[in-house]
Amino acid sequence: MRHNLPTLFRRTLSAVLLTGLVTAGAATAQNVDVTLLPATDADLVPRQLVAANLPMRAADVPRESVVFSWPIAADTVLDARPAPFVQESREYLIEVDATREGNVPLYAPAVGEWLVRISPLGADEASQGLDLRNLTLITPDGRALADGAGMAQMFDAGALAAADLPFPRGTAAFRVDASLGGGTYQLAGLPPGRFLVNVVAPESPRVLRLNAVRADHHVGDVLTAEVRLVDGDAGVLAGRVDGYVTSPTGDVLPATFARDEDGVYRARVTIDGSAEASAAGGRAGLWQVHARMDARVAGATVVRHAHVGFAVTAPTAALDGTLALAPTETKGALALRFGVRAAVEGRYEVRGVLYGTDAQGAMRPAAVAHGAVWLNAGAGAVDLVFDPKSLTHAGLGAPYEVRDLRLQDQTRMGLLHRQARGVRIQPSER
């Protein structure tokens, strides 16, 4: 392999300068510039801090400081800003009170078989079980199919329980014969009581896609949720979307979806609550956004439900914007000291991925480092240390970057800061 000698010399010199970071001090700082890059709107950054209480088992959290790193292959594929999970749904739910309501509408797909699952919502109904042969399926043209007619397969509560499937006690299900065709059916004959009816069309091309724009949020942030109903290759469909957001403690927040110019329905919900609930960590944990969409396609009704989770953290600390080289006992290591402002005591961790520049000028991953320390409320610091081998790993040289920079609250298990591009490290031009 032929190299451009001046370029290779500069890279070697840069590596020598960087691997000379043996101790902190004026001489080291004159050789290298370290710059904390500004966060973007797509990054997760605390806007205000919350003094959340310590969890009950905080006494078990280690108090000693820990730093460690390890090299990774330069061809490792990493994503410092991963795309959010998109939930796809070909099903919907109806909650029915058969004591007061009449027949249950079932919206069948135009193609393929479809499955109906019925779960009792009360202890009495669950204990009685449900005899599917007592139900009548009424077709779109008014034919009444009784005693199991039209049901290609039936699964009573005993069969589902024996299969150890994660359904509520007393759940029964049946699969409808695909030859009956699509349209709006009616289900008659449910006994008095409350039931959850789930209709699944596994072969339908009409898929509801729901996602939160970000997977991680802080208390007080605005959640943006997106919904689109896709009809195969025909594109995005219009309809009506209803939704809500639920917290780990059972709080329900309304979500109003409106269609944007790109055809996607979006809702924006503030994840807020009382100061007392936030301080107690009651707003932190796994939340869910739920959406139901109704649409008319070729004269038929299409209904879909979906829900997707997202994490909410009480922002107990933040990077304060200061960054410096730190002293280290390991010869040739690169140590970065991040200033941290904590609203409450706890064990805080900084982690990041070191990228270096290859001979073609491309940035490639070299190493991962983590550092954690117990901090009291107020100003503090956490060190991130990359070992000497990481700095020249796989022939990579300066400039370097620390990407996927994160600050985490280990005591409360929350992500406080995540930045795709965090630090720039290069030989000083002074």
Protein backbone atom coordinates (compact mmCIF):
# COMPACT_ATOMS: atom_id res chain seq x y z
CA MET A 1 0.00 0.00 0.00
CA ARG A 2 1.34 3.42 -0.93
CA HIS A 3 0.93 6.34 1.48
CA ASN A 4 1.21 10.05 1.12
CA LEU A 5 4.32 10.54 3.28
CA PRO A 6 3.59 14.10 4.47
CA THR A 7 0.06 13.07 5.46
CA LEU A 8 1.28 9.94 7.20
CA PHE A 9 3.95 11.97 9.01
CA ARG A 10 1.38 14.47 10.26
CA ARG A 11 -0.84 11.64 11.53
CA THR A 12 2.09 10.00 13.30
CA LEU A 13 3.10 13.31 14.86
CA SER A 14 -0.49 13.91 15.98
CA ALA A 15 -0.60 10.47 17.57
CA VAL A 16 2.69 11.11 19.35
CA LEU A 17 1.41 14.40 20.74
CA LEU A 18 -1.83 12.84 21.93
CA THR A 19 -0.23 9.77 23.44
CA GLY A 20 2.03 12.15 25.37
CA LEU A 21 -0.84 13.05 27.66
CA VAL A 22 0.81 11.51 30.68
CA THR A 23 -0.06 14.15 33.20
CA ALA A 24 -2.14 17.28 33.22
CA GLY A 25 -0.45 20.63 33.19
CA ALA A 26 0.58 23.55 31.04
CA ALA A 27 2.89 21.50 28.81
CA THR A 28 0.14 19.04 27.94
CA ALA A 29 -2.48 21.72 27.33
CA GLN A 30 -0.11 23.47 24.91
CA ASN A 31 0.09 20.33 22.75
CA VAL A 32 -3.61 19.54 22.41
CA ASP A 33 -6.88 21.40 22.07
CA VAL A 34 -9.99 19.74 23.51
CA THR A 35 -13.31 21.33 22.61
CA LEU A 36 -16.76 20.50 23.94
CA LEU A 37 -18.96 20.68 20.86
CA PRO A 38 -22.38 22.35 21.07
CA ALA A 39 -25.40 20.09 21.35
CA THR A 40 -28.02 20.15 18.61
CA ASP A 41 -31.81 20.10 18.83
CA ALA A 42 -31.72 16.37 18.10
CA ASP A 43 -29.56 15.67 21.18
CA LEU A 44 -30.95 14.96 24.65
CA VAL A 45 -29.97 17.80 27.02
CA PRO A 46 -31.58 18.73 30.38
CA ARG A 47 -33.37 22.08 30.30
CA GLN A 48 -33.79 22.31 34.08
CA LEU A 49 -32.72 20.10 36.96
CA VAL A 50 -34.93 18.16 39.37
CA ALA A 51 -33.86 17.14 42.86
CA ALA A 52 -35.35 13.64 42.73
CA ASN A 53 -35.23 11.59 45.92
CA LEU A 54 -32.80 8.71 46.27
CA PRO A 55 -34.33 5.27 45.62
CA MET A 56 -34.85 2.94 48.55
CA ARG A 57 -31.79 0.81 47.72
CA ALA A 58 -29.42 3.75 47.21
CA ALA A 59 -27.28 2.47 50.09
CA ASP A 60 -26.31 -0.49 47.89
CA VAL A 61 -24.91 1.74 45.13
CA PRO A 62 -21.06 1.75 45.16
CA ARG A 63 -19.40 5.03 46.16
CA GLU A 64 -15.90 4.47 44.75
CA SER A 65 -14.76 6.09 41.51
CA VAL A 66 -14.30 3.81 38.49
CA VAL A 67 -12.82 4.40 35.02
CA PHE A 68 -12.25 1.81 32.29
CA SER A 69 -11.99 1.58 28.51
CA TRP A 70 -11.51 -0.99 25.78
CA PRO A 71 -10.61 -0.80 22.08
CA ILE A 72 -13.09 -1.72 19.35
CA ALA A 73 -12.60 -2.60 15.70
CA ALA A 74 -12.40 0.36 13.34
CA ASP A 75 -15.04 -1.18 11.06
CA THR A 76 -17.59 -1.46 13.90
CA VAL A 77 -20.90 0.05 12.82
CA LEU A 78 -22.26 2.36 15.53
CA ASP A 79 -25.13 4.82 15.61
CA ALA A 80 -24.67 7.77 17.95
CA ARG A 81 -28.25 8.85 17.32
CA PRO A 82 -30.29 5.66 16.81
CA ALA A 83 -33.62 5.85 15.05
CA PRO A 84 -36.65 5.40 17.32
CA PHE A 85 -38.52 2.11 17.34
CA VAL A 86 -41.62 2.07 15.11
CA GLN A 87 -44.51 -0.08 16.27
CA GLU A 88 -46.46 -1.64 13.39
CA SER A 89 -50.03 -2.77 13.94
CA ARG A 90 -52.59 -4.74 11.96
CA GLU A 91 -55.01 -4.96 14.87
CA TYR A 92 -57.38 -2.98 17.07
CA LEU A 93 -59.18 -3.27 20.42
CA ILE A 94 -62.78 -2.62 21.48
CA GLU A 95 -63.88 -2.50 25.12
CA VAL A 96 -67.44 -3.79 25.37
CA ASP A 97 -70.02 -3.76 28.16
CA ALA A 98 -72.31 -6.53 26.93
CA THR A 99 -74.73 -5.83 29.78
CA ARG A 100 -75.76 -2.52 28.20
CA GLU A 101 -74.54 -2.62 24.60
CA GLY A 102 -75.74 -4.58 21.60
CA ASN A 103 -73.72 -6.31 18.93
CA VAL A 104 -69.99 -5.68 18.57
CA PRO A 105 -68.84 -4.35 15.17
CA LEU A 106 -65.90 -6.25 13.67
CA TYR A 107 -64.02 -4.64 10.79
CA ALA A 108 -62.68 -7.46 8.63
CA PRO A 109 -59.85 -7.08 6.10
CA ALA A 110 -60.50 -7.48 2.39
CA VAL A 111 -57.97 -10.31 2.10
CA GLY A 112 -56.83 -13.16 4.30
CA GLU A 113 -58.02 -14.72 7.51
CA TRP A 114 -58.53 -12.67 10.63
CA LEU A 115 -58.46 -13.52 14.30
CA VAL A 116 -60.85 -12.39 17.05
CA ARG A 117 -59.72 -12.65 20.68
CA ILE A 118 -62.14 -11.99 23.56
CA SER A 119 -60.86 -11.37 27.09
CA PRO A 120 -63.13 -10.87 30.13
CA LEU A 121 -62.45 -7.73 32.14
CA GLY A 122 -64.09 -8.89 35.36
CA ALA A 123 -63.31 -11.73 37.75
CA ASP A 124 -66.85 -13.16 37.46
CA GLU A 125 -66.75 -13.32 33.68
CA ALA A 126 -63.29 -14.91 33.74
CA SER A 127 -64.39 -17.64 36.12
CA GLN A 128 -67.41 -18.53 33.99
CA GLY A 129 -65.44 -18.90 30.77
CA LEU A 130 -66.84 -18.22 27.32
CA ASP A 131 -68.48 -20.79 25.03
CA LEU A 132 -67.70 -19.61 21.50
CA ARG A 133 -70.53 -21.74 20.06
CA ASN A 134 -72.99 -19.45 21.82
CA LEU A 135 -71.78 -16.53 19.69
CA THR A 136 -73.25 -15.55 16.34
CA LEU A 137 -71.24 -13.97 13.56
CA ILE A 138 -73.36 -11.72 11.32
CA THR A 139 -71.84 -11.10 7.87
CA PRO A 140 -71.91 -7.74 6.04
CA ASP A 141 -74.83 -9.01 3.91
CA GLY A 142 -76.88 -9.94 7.02
CA ARG A 143 -76.34 -13.71 7.22
CA ALA A 144 -76.28 -15.07 10.78
CA LEU A 145 -73.61 -17.73 11.27
CA ALA A 146 -74.34 -19.57 14.52
CA ASP A 147 -72.92 -22.53 16.42
CA GLY A 148 -69.36 -21.93 15.20
CA ALA A 149 -70.22 -21.50 11.52
CA GLY A 150 -67.72 -19.24 9.80
CA MET A 151 -65.10 -19.93 12.45
CA ALA A 152 -62.23 -21.81 10.82
CA GLN A 153 -60.68 -22.52 14.21
CA MET A 154 -61.83 -22.03 17.79
CA PHE A 155 -59.61 -21.77 20.89
CA ASP A 156 -61.47 -21.82 24.19
CA ALA A 157 -60.06 -20.55 27.47
CA GLY A 158 -58.76 -23.96 28.43
CA ALA A 159 -56.80 -24.39 25.18
CA LEU A 160 -55.17 -20.96 25.48
CA ALA A 161 -54.32 -21.51 29.13
CA ALA A 162 -52.78 -24.92 28.33
CA ALA A 163 -50.61 -23.27 25.67
CA ASP A 164 -49.25 -20.93 28.38
CA LEU A 165 -49.95 -17.85 26.26
CA PRO A 166 -49.79 -14.46 28.04
CA PHE A 167 -53.51 -13.71 27.82
CA PRO A 168 -55.82 -12.79 30.72
CA ARG A 169 -57.58 -15.66 32.43
CA GLY A 170 -60.73 -16.71 30.58
CA THR A 171 -59.59 -15.48 27.14
CA ALA A 172 -61.02 -17.29 24.11
CA ALA A 173 -60.33 -16.78 20.41
CA PHE A 174 -61.48 -17.83 16.96
CA ARG A 175 -60.15 -17.49 13.43
CA VAL A 176 -62.61 -16.41 10.74
CA ASP A 177 -62.70 -18.21 7.41
CA ALA A 178 -61.00 -16.05 4.76
CA SER A 179 -63.57 -17.09 2.15
CA LEU A 180 -66.22 -14.95 3.88
CA GLY A 181 -64.53 -11.78 2.57
CA GLY A 182 -64.08 -8.35 4.11
CA GLY A 183 -66.42 -5.68 5.43
CA THR A 184 -68.17 -4.83 8.68
CA TYR A 185 -69.38 -7.87 10.63
CA GLN A 186 -71.36 -7.99 13.86
CA LEU A 187 -70.66 -10.26 16.83
CA ALA A 188 -73.78 -11.19 18.82
CA GLY A 189 -74.37 -13.36 21.86
CA LEU A 190 -71.81 -12.16 24.39
CA PRO A 191 -73.00 -12.85 27.94
CA PRO A 192 -73.56 -9.97 30.38
CA GLY A 193 -70.29 -8.40 31.51
CA ARG A 194 -67.33 -6.41 30.29
CA PHE A 195 -64.98 -7.72 27.60
CA LEU A 196 -61.97 -6.62 25.60
CA VAL A 197 -62.33 -7.66 21.95
CA ASN A 198 -59.13 -7.77 19.88
CA VAL A 199 -59.29 -8.10 16.08
CA VAL A 200 -56.07 -9.02 14.22
CA ALA A 201 -55.62 -9.07 10.43
CA PRO A 202 -52.10 -10.52 10.00
CA GLU A 203 -52.21 -10.52 6.17
CA SER A 204 -53.65 -7.05 5.66
CA PRO A 205 -51.52 -4.52 3.74
CA ARG A 206 -52.99 -1.71 5.85
CA VAL A 207 -50.50 -1.12 8.65
CA LEU A 208 -50.56 1.53 11.36
CA ARG A 209 -47.09 2.79 12.28
CA LEU A 210 -46.57 4.63 15.55
CA ASN A 211 -43.38 6.01 17.03
CA ALA A 212 -42.06 8.58 19.45
CA VAL A 213 -39.62 10.91 17.67
CA ARG A 214 -37.17 10.31 20.54
CA ALA A 215 -36.86 7.20 22.69
CA ASP A 216 -35.65 9.17 25.76
CA HIS A 217 -37.15 12.23 27.41
CA HIS A 218 -36.90 14.26 30.59
CA VAL A 219 -39.65 15.35 32.93
CA GLY A 220 -40.93 18.60 31.44
CA ASP A 221 -39.96 17.73 27.85
CA VAL A 222 -42.41 17.73 24.96
CA LEU A 223 -43.06 14.30 23.48
CA THR A 224 -43.69 14.25 19.73
CA ALA A 225 -45.51 11.12 18.54
CA GLU A 226 -46.06 10.24 14.88
CA VAL A 227 -48.80 8.08 13.34
CA ARG A 228 -49.25 6.98 9.74
CA LEU A 229 -51.61 4.40 8.23
CA VAL A 230 -49.94 2.85 5.19
CA ASP A 231 -51.92 0.96 2.56
CA GLY A 232 -49.22 -1.19 0.95
CA ASP A 233 -47.80 0.63 -2.06
CA ALA A 234 -50.80 2.98 -2.21
CA GLY A 235 -49.26 5.39 0.30
CA VAL A 236 -50.42 7.06 3.49
CA LEU A 237 -54.15 7.12 4.24
CA ALA A 238 -56.20 9.89 5.84
CA GLY A 239 -58.61 9.33 8.70
CA ARG A 240 -59.21 10.15 12.35
CA VAL A 241 -56.62 9.59 15.05
CA ASP A 242 -57.32 9.53 18.79
CA GLY A 243 -54.65 9.00 21.41
CA TYR A 244 -53.37 9.38 24.92
CA VAL A 245 -50.19 8.97 26.95
CA THR A 246 -49.84 6.90 30.13
CA SER A 247 -47.25 7.20 32.90
CA PRO A 248 -45.79 4.36 35.03
CA THR A 249 -48.06 5.42 37.89
CA GLY A 250 -51.24 5.29 35.79
CA ASP A 251 -51.61 8.98 34.94
CA VAL A 252 -53.30 9.58 31.58
CA LEU A 253 -52.48 12.62 29.45
CA PRO A 254 -54.53 13.47 26.34
CA ALA A 255 -52.76 13.44 22.97
CA THR A 256 -54.28 15.41 20.11
CA PHE A 257 -53.10 14.23 16.70
CA ALA A 258 -53.21 16.56 13.69
CA ARG A 259 -52.20 15.82 10.11
CA ASP A 260 -49.13 17.67 8.84
CA GLU A 261 -48.30 18.53 5.24
CA ASP A 262 -46.39 15.27 4.75
CA GLY A 263 -49.51 13.25 5.57
CA VAL A 264 -48.20 12.12 8.97
CA TYR A 265 -50.35 12.69 12.07
CA ARG A 266 -48.41 14.20 14.98
CA ALA A 267 -49.22 14.90 18.61
CA ARG A 268 -47.14 16.98 21.00
CA VAL A 269 -47.59 16.30 24.70
CA THR A 270 -45.78 17.93 27.61
CA ILE A 271 -44.50 15.32 30.06
CA ASP A 272 -45.25 17.32 33.13
CA GLY A 273 -46.51 16.85 36.65
CA SER A 274 -46.42 18.20 40.15
CA ALA A 275 -43.10 19.11 41.73
CA GLU A 276 -43.79 16.53 44.43
CA ALA A 277 -44.27 13.72 41.91
CA SER A 278 -41.15 14.71 39.99
CA ALA A 279 -39.03 14.92 43.12
CA ALA A 280 -40.20 11.48 44.17
CA GLY A 281 -39.32 10.09 40.77
CA GLY A 282 -43.01 9.34 40.12
CA ARG A 283 -42.75 10.71 36.60
CA ALA A 284 -39.64 8.71 35.72
CA GLY A 285 -39.77 5.28 34.11
CA LEU A 286 -41.31 3.71 31.04
CA TRP A 287 -44.23 5.66 29.56
CA GLN A 288 -46.46 4.68 26.64
CA VAL A 289 -48.20 6.56 23.87
CA HIS A 290 -51.38 4.97 22.49
CA ALA A 291 -53.09 5.74 19.19
CA ARG A 292 -56.21 4.53 17.37
CA MET A 293 -56.89 5.42 13.74
CA ASP A 294 -60.15 5.00 11.82
CA ALA A 295 -60.17 5.36 8.04
CA ARG A 296 -62.45 4.61 5.09
CA VAL A 297 -60.81 2.76 2.20
CA ALA A 298 -62.76 1.71 -0.89
CA GLY A 299 -66.00 1.93 1.04
CA ALA A 300 -64.74 -0.21 3.94
CA THR A 301 -63.83 0.81 7.49
CA VAL A 302 -60.26 0.21 8.65
CA VAL A 303 -59.42 0.51 12.35
CA ARG A 304 -55.99 0.11 13.90
CA HIS A 305 -54.54 0.45 17.42
CA ALA A 306 -50.90 0.72 18.45
CA HIS A 307 -48.87 1.66 21.49
CA VAL A 308 -45.16 2.23 21.95
CA GLY A 309 -42.97 2.90 24.98
CA PHE A 310 -40.51 5.69 25.70
CA ALA A 311 -38.29 6.40 28.69
CA VAL A 312 -38.67 9.42 30.96
CA THR A 313 -35.92 10.47 33.36
CA ALA A 314 -35.85 13.02 36.15
CA PRO A 315 -32.98 15.35 35.06
CA THR A 316 -30.96 15.26 38.27
CA ALA A 317 -27.67 16.50 36.77
CA ALA A 318 -26.21 18.09 33.64
CA LEU A 319 -22.87 18.69 31.98
CA ASP A 320 -21.96 22.26 33.00
CA GLY A 321 -20.09 23.04 29.78
CA THR A 322 -16.55 22.80 31.18
CA LEU A 323 -13.98 20.39 29.80
CA ALA A 324 -10.27 19.93 30.50
CA LEU A 325 -7.50 17.39 30.30
CA ALA A 326 -7.24 15.44 33.53
CA PRO A 327 -4.22 13.93 35.29
CA THR A 328 -3.78 10.19 34.88
CA GLU A 329 -1.36 7.63 36.32
CA THR A 330 -1.37 5.61 33.08
CA LYS A 331 1.41 6.68 30.73
CA GLY A 332 0.07 7.75 27.36
CA ALA A 333 -3.61 7.69 28.37
CA LEU A 334 -6.02 10.40 27.27
CA ALA A 335 -8.07 11.65 30.23
CA LEU A 336 -10.93 14.13 29.83
CA ARG A 337 -12.57 15.81 32.81
CA PHE A 338 -16.22 16.82 32.35
CA GLY A 339 -17.77 19.34 34.69
CA VAL A 340 -21.10 18.14 36.09
CA ARG A 341 -23.70 20.14 38.00
CA ALA A 342 -25.86 17.91 40.20
CA ALA A 343 -29.17 18.92 41.75
CA VAL A 344 -28.97 16.02 44.19
CA GLU A 345 -26.37 13.53 45.33
CA GLY A 346 -25.93 10.29 43.43
CA ARG A 347 -23.59 8.17 41.35
CA TYR A 348 -23.12 9.74 37.93
CA GLU A 349 -21.47 8.22 34.86
CA VAL A 350 -19.99 9.68 31.68
CA ARG A 351 -19.42 7.40 28.70
CA GLY A 352 -18.40 7.91 25.09
CA VAL A 353 -16.90 6.40 21.97
CA LEU A 354 -13.52 7.67 20.76
CA TYR A 355 -13.20 8.10 16.99
CA GLY A 356 -9.94 8.66 15.15
CA THR A 357 -9.04 9.60 11.58
CA ASP A 358 -7.85 6.97 9.12
CA ALA A 359 -5.43 7.42 6.17
CA GLN A 360 -8.30 8.40 3.88
CA GLY A 361 -9.52 11.12 6.24
CA ALA A 362 -12.57 9.22 7.49
CA MET A 363 -13.52 9.07 11.16
CA ARG A 364 -13.64 5.54 12.56
CA PRO A 365 -14.32 4.16 16.05
CA ALA A 366 -11.32 3.27 18.18
CA ALA A 367 -12.46 2.72 21.77
CA VAL A 368 -15.21 2.98 24.36
CA ALA A 369 -14.70 4.49 27.82
CA HIS A 370 -16.84 4.78 30.94
CA GLY A 371 -16.21 6.75 34.10
CA ALA A 372 -18.41 6.95 37.21
CA VAL A 373 -18.16 8.76 40.55
CA TRP A 374 -20.40 9.61 43.50
CA LEU A 375 -21.18 13.33 43.51
CA ASN A 376 -22.78 15.54 46.11
CA ALA A 377 -25.25 18.23 45.09
CA GLY A 378 -23.50 21.14 43.41
CA ALA A 379 -20.47 21.36 41.14
CA GLY A 380 -18.42 18.22 40.46
CA ALA A 381 -16.57 16.37 37.72
CA VAL A 382 -16.40 12.95 36.08
CA ASP A 383 -13.33 11.67 34.22
CA LEU A 384 -13.34 9.74 30.96
CA VAL A 385 -10.04 7.90 30.36
CA PHE A 386 -8.96 6.20 27.12
CA ASP A 387 -5.99 3.84 27.46
CA PRO A 388 -2.84 4.37 25.29
CA LYS A 389 -3.59 1.54 22.87
CA SER A 390 -6.92 3.14 22.00
CA LEU A 391 -5.27 6.31 20.75
CA THR A 392 -3.30 4.58 18.00
CA HIS A 393 -5.63 1.63 17.54
CA ALA A 394 -5.80 0.32 13.94
CA GLY A 395 -3.58 3.13 12.71
CA LEU A 396 -6.02 5.91 13.54
CA GLY A 397 -4.73 9.39 14.28
CA ALA A 398 -5.77 12.94 15.04
CA PRO A 399 -8.10 14.68 14.88
CA TYR A 400 -10.15 12.62 17.32
CA GLU A 401 -13.76 12.95 18.44
CA VAL A 402 -15.75 11.57 21.33
CA ARG A 403 -19.14 10.62 19.96
CA ASP A 404 -22.30 9.26 21.57
CA LEU A 405 -21.38 11.23 24.69
CA ARG A 406 -23.68 10.34 27.57
CA LEU A 407 -24.27 11.39 31.16
CA GLN A 408 -26.24 8.89 33.21
CA ASP A 409 -27.65 8.77 36.72
CA GLN A 410 -26.66 5.30 37.91
CA THR A 411 -28.48 5.71 41.21
CA ARG A 412 -31.88 6.23 39.57
CA MET A 413 -31.08 4.43 36.30
CA GLY A 414 -31.77 7.40 34.04
CA LEU A 415 -30.23 8.87 30.89
CA LEU A 416 -29.53 12.57 31.47
CA HIS A 417 -27.55 13.65 28.40
CA ARG A 418 -26.90 12.05 25.00
CA GLN A 419 -25.00 13.92 22.31
CA ALA A 420 -24.08 12.47 18.91
CA ARG A 421 -20.85 14.51 18.61
CA GLY A 422 -19.47 15.53 21.99
CA VAL A 423 -15.76 16.44 21.98
CA ARG A 424 -13.17 17.46 19.36
CA ILE A 425 -9.51 16.60 20.13
CA GLN A 426 -6.71 17.84 17.90
CA PRO A 427 -3.12 19.10 18.04
CA SER A 428 -2.92 22.71 19.17
CA GLU A 429 -2.22 25.37 16.55
CA ARG A 430 -1.03 27.84 19.19
